[in-house]
Protein backbone atom coordinates (compact mmCIF):
# COMPACT_ATOMS: atom_id res chain seq x y z
CA MET A 1 0.08 -0.05 -0.05
CA THR A 2 1.59 3.22 -1.17
CA THR A 3 0.84 6.66 0.49
CA ASN A 4 2.03 10.21 -0.35
CA LYS A 5 2.46 11.17 3.33
CA LYS A 6 5.80 12.51 4.73
CA VAL A 7 7.42 10.58 7.58
CA PHE A 8 8.86 12.20 10.41
CA THR A 9 9.54 11.81 14.08
CA LEU A 10 7.64 13.66 16.54
CA ARG A 11 8.54 13.95 20.11
CA LEU A 12 5.76 14.62 22.94
CA ASN A 13 5.62 14.54 26.25
CA GLU A 14 4.23 11.79 28.08
CA ASN A 15 0.89 13.71 29.39
CA ASN A 16 0.07 15.01 25.83
CA PHE A 17 0.81 11.53 24.26
CA GLU A 18 -1.40 9.70 26.76
CA LYS A 19 -4.20 12.36 26.28
CA ILE A 20 -4.10 12.32 22.62
CA LYS A 21 -3.94 8.50 22.78
CA ILE A 22 -7.34 8.69 24.73
CA ILE A 23 -8.84 11.09 22.44
CA ALA A 24 -7.71 8.80 19.50
CA GLU A 25 -9.45 5.72 21.00
CA LYS A 26 -12.76 7.64 21.72
CA ASN A 27 -12.82 8.75 18.17
CA LYS A 28 -11.88 5.26 16.68
CA ARG A 29 -8.53 6.52 15.04
CA SER A 30 -4.84 5.69 15.42
CA ILE A 31 -2.87 8.24 17.31
CA ALA A 32 -1.13 9.20 14.19
CA MET A 33 -4.47 9.75 12.27
CA GLN A 34 -5.77 11.65 15.53
CA ILE A 35 -2.68 14.05 15.47
CA GLU A 36 -3.23 14.84 11.64
CA TYR A 37 -6.80 15.34 12.31
CA LEU A 38 -5.93 17.92 14.94
CA ILE A 39 -3.29 19.46 12.46
CA GLU A 40 -6.02 19.82 9.59
CA GLN A 41 -8.49 21.42 11.94
CA HIS A 42 -5.85 23.92 13.11
CA ILE A 43 -5.00 24.71 9.64
CA ASP A 44 -8.41 25.05 8.70
CA LYS A 45 -9.09 27.64 11.56
CA TYR A 46 -5.69 29.51 10.80
CA GLU A 47 -6.87 29.91 7.05
CA LYS A 48 -10.17 31.17 7.72
CA GLU A 49 -8.62 34.08 9.93
CA ASN A 50 -5.64 34.54 7.81
CA GLY A 51 -6.56 33.69 4.35
CA THR A 52 -5.32 30.63 2.17
CA ILE A 53 -1.72 29.71 2.53
CA GLN A 54 -0.23 29.37 -0.79
CA LEU A 55 2.13 26.70 -1.29
CA ASN A 56 5.23 26.80 -3.89
CA ASP A 57 4.76 23.83 -6.05
């Protein structure tokens, strides 16, 4: 199964990791998918407040 997702290491303090793990379980997501969802939500909020972020291709 191929994916176009970037791979990187993310270091979290233990409390934040455990809290995200609990939220992910309640949402029936993996921890990685929960973090991705939270990032997407933050980007959407940011762009609504500040305009679309233009990417250089």
